[in-house]
């Protein structure tokens, strides 16, 4: 992500909940999932919503760190691997959930762990889109998504600079 990106896409809790439920609707009937693997931290909230909506009880996490600070991707580090029983059969009945696929760097790492899993994200950018089977909304590569857990109540300038 370009740290100087001018396009901002703020997402409220209500919107994120609606979009996560929309993802559940798209996933309904696509498979019999034995477990969800959510990519932490961003995948935690949509995974909980999707697990509820689809009646999935087993939720596992994989922790992959790729950002040095808020906007610059750095070296990938797997901080927590997927439990061995989840990776059996290459994850054939596993649903992998994340909030966003950006460049696809994180998705590639998790895909190597679970090559037969179904990958789904709430939001997708063009570079990462080919790595997920299901998503809700695509945004341009130069857009920075501000998730509800990143936001506080404050003044927001208009999109058009100098708008009065």
C-alpha atoms as a PDB file:
ATOM      1  CA  UNK A   1       0.000   0.000   0.000  1.00  0.00           C
ATOM      2  CA  UNK A   2       1.257   3.439  -0.888  1.00  0.00           C
ATOM      3  CA  UNK A   3       1.560   5.362   2.396  1.00  0.00           C
ATOM      4  CA  UNK A   4       0.729   8.531   0.454  1.00  0.00           C
ATOM      5  CA  UNK A   5      -2.540   7.201  -0.945  1.00  0.00           C
ATOM      6  CA  UNK A   6      -5.188   9.878  -1.090  1.00  0.00           C
ATOM      7  CA  UNK A   7      -8.182   7.589  -1.411  1.00  0.00           C
ATOM      8  CA  UNK A   8      -9.670   6.706   1.932  1.00  0.00           C
ATOM      9  CA  UNK A   9     -12.488   4.247   2.547  1.00  0.00           C
ATOM     10  CA  UNK A  10     -13.715   4.508   6.150  1.00  0.00           C
ATOM     11  CA  UNK A  11     -15.918   1.587   7.226  1.00  0.00           C
ATOM     12  CA  UNK A  12     -18.279   1.862  10.211  1.00  0.00           C
ATOM     13  CA  UNK A  13     -19.142  -1.019  12.540  1.00  0.00           C
ATOM     14  CA  UNK A  14     -22.629  -1.191  10.992  1.00  0.00           C
ATOM     15  CA  UNK A  15     -21.246  -1.326   7.464  1.00  0.00           C
ATOM     16  CA  UNK A  16     -18.634  -3.928   8.367  1.00  0.00           C
ATOM     17  CA  UNK A  17     -21.295  -6.093  10.006  1.00  0.00           C
ATOM     18  CA  UNK A  18     -23.534  -5.816   6.919  1.00  0.00           C
ATOM     19  CA  UNK A  19     -20.635  -6.611   4.596  1.00  0.00           C
ATOM     20  CA  UNK A  20     -19.575  -9.599   6.725  1.00  0.00           C
ATOM     21  CA  UNK A  21     -23.151 -10.941   6.642  1.00  0.00           C
ATOM     22  CA  UNK A  22     -23.181 -10.401   2.863  1.00  0.00           C
ATOM     23  CA  UNK A  23     -20.036 -12.531   2.681  1.00  0.00           C
ATOM     24  CA  UNK A  24     -21.824 -15.228   4.708  1.00  0.00           C
ATOM     25  CA  UNK A  25     -24.720 -15.116   2.220  1.00  0.00           C
ATOM     26  CA  UNK A  26     -22.293 -15.625  -0.668  1.00  0.00           C
ATOM     27  CA  UNK A  27     -20.636 -18.547   1.130  1.00  0.00           C
ATOM     28  CA  UNK A  28     -23.885 -20.263   2.115  1.00  0.00           C
ATOM     29  CA  UNK A  29     -24.312 -23.450   0.132  1.00  0.00           C
ATOM     30  CA  UNK A  30     -20.800 -23.371  -1.360  1.00  0.00           C
ATOM     31  CA  UNK A  31     -19.498 -26.173   0.821  1.00  0.00           C
ATOM     32  CA  UNK A  32     -19.595 -28.135   4.029  1.00  0.00           C
ATOM     33  CA  UNK A  33     -17.027 -26.393   6.167  1.00  0.00           C
ATOM     34  CA  UNK A  34     -15.421 -28.311   9.037  1.00  0.00           C
ATOM     35  CA  UNK A  35     -13.675 -25.207  10.359  1.00  0.00           C
ATOM     36  CA  UNK A  36     -12.900 -21.554   9.818  1.00  0.00           C
ATOM     37  CA  UNK A  37      -9.333 -20.333   9.900  1.00  0.00           C
ATOM     38  CA  UNK A  38      -9.300 -16.600  10.443  1.00  0.00           C
ATOM     39  CA  UNK A  39      -6.250 -14.555   9.645  1.00  0.00           C
ATOM     40  CA  UNK A  40      -5.585 -12.405  12.681  1.00  0.00           C
ATOM     41  CA  UNK A  41      -6.230  -9.798  13.540  1.00  0.00           C
ATOM     42  CA  UNK A  42      -8.450  -8.454  10.787  1.00  0.00           C
ATOM     43  CA  UNK A  43     -10.222 -11.740  10.152  1.00  0.00           C
ATOM     44  CA  UNK A  44     -11.454 -12.152  13.739  1.00  0.00           C
ATOM     45  CA  UNK A  45     -14.617 -10.064  13.478  1.00  0.00           C
ATOM     46  CA  UNK A  46     -15.857 -11.332  10.101  1.00  0.00           C
ATOM     47  CA  UNK A  47     -14.989 -14.919  11.125  1.00  0.00           C
ATOM     48  CA  UNK A  48     -17.209 -14.618  14.209  1.00  0.00           C
ATOM     49  CA  UNK A  49     -20.088 -13.252  12.141  1.00  0.00           C
ATOM     50  CA  UNK A  50     -19.695 -15.869   9.412  1.00  0.00           C
ATOM     51  CA  UNK A  51     -19.355 -18.701  11.953  1.00  0.00           C
ATOM     52  CA  UNK A  52     -22.638 -17.625  13.514  1.00  0.00           C
ATOM     53  CA  UNK A  53     -24.463 -17.247  10.210  1.00  0.00           C
ATOM     54  CA  UNK A  54     -23.256 -20.564   8.768  1.00  0.00           C
ATOM     55  CA  UNK A  55     -23.376 -22.575  12.008  1.00  0.00           C
ATOM     56  CA  UNK A  56     -19.649 -23.320  12.088  1.00  0.00           C
ATOM     57  CA  UNK A  57     -18.335 -24.080  15.589  1.00  0.00           C
ATOM     58  CA  UNK A  58     -14.617 -24.694  15.030  1.00  0.00           C
ATOM     59  CA  UNK A  59     -12.652 -21.465  14.620  1.00  0.00           C
ATOM     60  CA  UNK A  60      -8.862 -21.564  14.369  1.00  0.00           C
ATOM     61  CA  UNK A  61      -6.471 -18.660  13.889  1.00  0.00           C
ATOM     62  CA  UNK A  62      -3.313 -18.071  11.956  1.00  0.00           C
ATOM     63  CA  UNK A  63      -1.314 -14.971  12.785  1.00  0.00           C
ATOM     64  CA  UNK A  64       0.686 -13.426   9.974  1.00  0.00           C
ATOM     65  CA  UNK A  65       2.351 -10.053  10.427  1.00  0.00           C
ATOM     66  CA  UNK A  66       3.190  -8.081   7.312  1.00  0.00           C
ATOM     67  CA  UNK A  67       2.996  -4.410   8.280  1.00  0.00           C
ATOM     68  CA  UNK A  68       5.939  -2.637   9.921  1.00  0.00           C
ATOM     69  CA  UNK A  69       3.704   0.271  10.833  1.00  0.00           C
ATOM     70  CA  UNK A  70       0.178   1.227   9.894  1.00  0.00           C
ATOM     71  CA  UNK A  71       0.713   1.589   6.143  1.00  0.00           C
ATOM     72  CA  UNK A  72       3.986  -0.026   5.053  1.00  0.00           C
ATOM     73  CA  UNK A  73       4.287  -3.718   4.341  1.00  0.00           C
ATOM     74  CA  UNK A  74       7.455  -5.326   5.565  1.00  0.00           C
ATOM     75  CA  UNK A  75       8.776  -8.841   5.851  1.00  0.00           C
ATOM     76  CA  UNK A  76       6.185 -11.568   6.419  1.00  0.00           C
ATOM     77  CA  UNK A  77       6.327 -13.355   9.764  1.00  0.00           C
ATOM     78  CA  UNK A  78       4.112 -16.243  10.812  1.00  0.00           C
ATOM     79  CA  UNK A  79       3.522 -15.547  14.495  1.00  0.00           C
ATOM     80  CA  UNK A  80       1.068 -18.419  15.044  1.00  0.00           C
ATOM     81  CA  UNK A  81       0.648 -21.399  12.736  1.00  0.00           C
ATOM     82  CA  UNK A  82      -2.546 -23.342  12.053  1.00  0.00           C
ATOM     83  CA  UNK A  83      -3.193 -26.360  14.320  1.00  0.00           C
ATOM     84  CA  UNK A  84      -2.011 -29.593  12.650  1.00  0.00           C
ATOM     85  CA  UNK A  85      -5.450 -31.267  12.653  1.00  0.00           C
ATOM     86  CA  UNK A  86      -6.841 -28.340  10.607  1.00  0.00           C
ATOM     87  CA  UNK A  87      -4.176 -28.723   7.911  1.00  0.00           C
ATOM     88  CA  UNK A  88      -5.032 -32.386   7.303  1.00  0.00           C
ATOM     89  CA  UNK A  89      -6.119 -33.021   3.721  1.00  0.00           C
ATOM     90  CA  UNK A  90      -4.552 -29.648   2.783  1.00  0.00           C
ATOM     91  CA  UNK A  91      -7.526 -27.821   4.315  1.00  0.00           C
ATOM     92  CA  UNK A  92     -10.063 -29.225   1.832  1.00  0.00           C
ATOM     93  CA  UNK A  93     -13.052 -28.473   4.096  1.00  0.00           C
ATOM     94  CA  UNK A  94     -11.647 -25.288   5.637  1.00  0.00           C
ATOM     95  CA  UNK A  95     -12.908 -21.760   5.093  1.00  0.00           C
ATOM     96  CA  UNK A  96     -10.194 -19.090   5.428  1.00  0.00           C
ATOM     97  CA  UNK A  97     -11.518 -15.649   6.384  1.00  0.00           C
ATOM     98  CA  UNK A  98      -9.819 -12.254   6.404  1.00  0.00           C
ATOM     99  CA  UNK A  99     -11.033  -8.676   6.357  1.00  0.00           C
ATOM    100  CA  UNK A 100      -9.052  -7.706   3.254  1.00  0.00           C
ATOM    101  CA  UNK A 101      -6.797  -9.096   0.578  1.00  0.00           C
ATOM    102  CA  UNK A 102      -4.465  -6.276  -0.459  1.00  0.00           C
ATOM    103  CA  UNK A 103      -1.320  -7.287  -2.352  1.00  0.00           C
ATOM    104  CA  UNK A 104      -1.915 -10.983  -1.666  1.00  0.00           C
ATOM    105  CA  UNK A 105       1.284 -11.428   0.318  1.00  0.00           C
ATOM    106  CA  UNK A 106      -0.454 -12.752   3.442  1.00  0.00           C
ATOM    107  CA  UNK A 107      -2.908 -14.839   1.422  1.00  0.00           C
ATOM    108  CA  UNK A 108      -0.023 -16.562  -0.406  1.00  0.00           C
ATOM    109  CA  UNK A 109       1.562 -17.579   2.895  1.00  0.00           C
ATOM    110  CA  UNK A 110      -1.707 -18.988   4.245  1.00  0.00           C
ATOM    111  CA  UNK A 111      -2.570 -20.601   0.892  1.00  0.00           C
ATOM    112  CA  UNK A 112       0.726 -22.535   1.110  1.00  0.00           C
ATOM    113  CA  UNK A 113      -0.446 -23.898   4.493  1.00  0.00           C
ATOM    114  CA  UNK A 114      -3.965 -24.745   3.259  1.00  0.00           C
ATOM    115  CA  UNK A 115      -3.822 -25.158  -0.536  1.00  0.00           C
ATOM    116  CA  UNK A 116      -7.310 -26.712  -0.836  1.00  0.00           C
ATOM    117  CA  UNK A 117      -9.098 -24.261   1.483  1.00  0.00           C
ATOM    118  CA  UNK A 118     -11.712 -21.793   0.283  1.00  0.00           C
ATOM    119  CA  UNK A 119     -10.429 -18.227   0.783  1.00  0.00           C
ATOM    120  CA  UNK A 120     -12.939 -15.449   1.430  1.00  0.00           C
ATOM    121  CA  UNK A 121     -12.482 -11.798   2.350  1.00  0.00           C
ATOM    122  CA  UNK A 122     -14.847  -8.945   2.969  1.00  0.00           C
ATOM    123  CA  UNK A 123     -12.855  -6.544   0.793  1.00  0.00           C
ATOM    124  CA  UNK A 124     -10.435  -7.155  -2.084  1.00  0.00           C
ATOM    125  CA  UNK A 125      -7.944  -5.095  -4.031  1.00  0.00           C
ATOM    126  CA  UNK A 126      -6.936  -5.972  -7.608  1.00  0.00           C
ATOM    127  CA  UNK A 127      -3.471  -7.358  -6.776  1.00  0.00           C
ATOM    128  CA  UNK A 128      -4.870  -9.791  -4.204  1.00  0.00           C
ATOM    129  CA  UNK A 129      -8.216 -10.584  -5.791  1.00  0.00           C
ATOM    130  CA  UNK A 130      -7.009 -13.669  -7.745  1.00  0.00           C
ATOM    131  CA  UNK A 131      -6.052 -15.319  -4.434  1.00  0.00           C
ATOM    132  CA  UNK A 132      -9.585 -15.397  -2.986  1.00  0.00           C
ATOM    133  CA  UNK A 133     -12.594 -17.308  -4.224  1.00  0.00           C
ATOM    134  CA  UNK A 134     -15.228 -15.123  -2.577  1.00  0.00           C
ATOM    135  CA  UNK A 135     -15.353 -11.453  -1.550  1.00  0.00           C
ATOM    136  CA  UNK A 136     -17.961  -8.711  -1.172  1.00  0.00           C
ATOM    137  CA  UNK A 137     -16.485  -5.400  -2.325  1.00  0.00           C
ATOM    138  CA  UNK A 138     -13.513  -4.511  -4.494  1.00  0.00           C
ATOM    139  CA  UNK A 139     -11.683  -1.226  -3.993  1.00  0.00           C
ATOM    140  CA  UNK A 140      -8.827   0.232  -6.028  1.00  0.00           C
ATOM    141  CA  UNK A 141      -5.269  -0.696  -5.131  1.00  0.00           C
ATOM    142  CA  UNK A 142      -4.496   2.887  -4.080  1.00  0.00           C
ATOM    143  CA  UNK A 143      -7.342   3.036  -1.540  1.00  0.00           C
ATOM    144  CA  UNK A 144      -6.637   2.699   2.174  1.00  0.00           C
ATOM    145  CA  UNK A 145      -9.469   1.054   4.099  1.00  0.00           C
ATOM    146  CA  UNK A 146      -9.989   2.386   7.610  1.00  0.00           C
ATOM    147  CA  UNK A 147     -11.681  -0.376   9.592  1.00  0.00           C
ATOM    148  CA  UNK A 148     -13.967   0.483  12.514  1.00  0.00           C
ATOM    149  CA  UNK A 149     -11.376  -0.615  15.079  1.00  0.00           C
ATOM    150  CA  UNK A 150      -8.971   1.951  13.562  1.00  0.00           C
ATOM    151  CA  UNK A 151     -11.374   4.891  13.836  1.00  0.00           C
ATOM    152  CA  UNK A 152     -12.371   7.391  16.477  1.00  0.00           C
ATOM    153  CA  UNK A 153     -14.972  10.106  16.461  1.00  0.00           C
ATOM    154  CA  UNK A 154     -13.392  13.147  14.896  1.00  0.00           C
ATOM    155  CA  UNK A 155     -13.761  15.649  12.098  1.00  0.00           C
ATOM    156  CA  UNK A 156     -13.306  14.215   8.611  1.00  0.00           C
ATOM    157  CA  UNK A 157     -12.265  16.556   5.803  1.00  0.00           C
ATOM    158  CA  UNK A 158     -14.331  16.489   2.584  1.00  0.00           C
ATOM    159  CA  UNK A 159     -13.162  14.331  -0.307  1.00  0.00           C
ATOM    160  CA  UNK A 160     -12.698  17.379  -2.551  1.00  0.00           C
ATOM    161  CA  UNK A 161      -9.986  19.533  -1.035  1.00  0.00           C
ATOM    162  CA  UNK A 162     -11.165  23.050  -0.505  1.00  0.00           C
ATOM    163  CA  UNK A 163     -14.844  22.091  -0.609  1.00  0.00           C
ATOM    164  CA  UNK A 164     -16.669  24.597   1.386  1.00  0.00           C
END
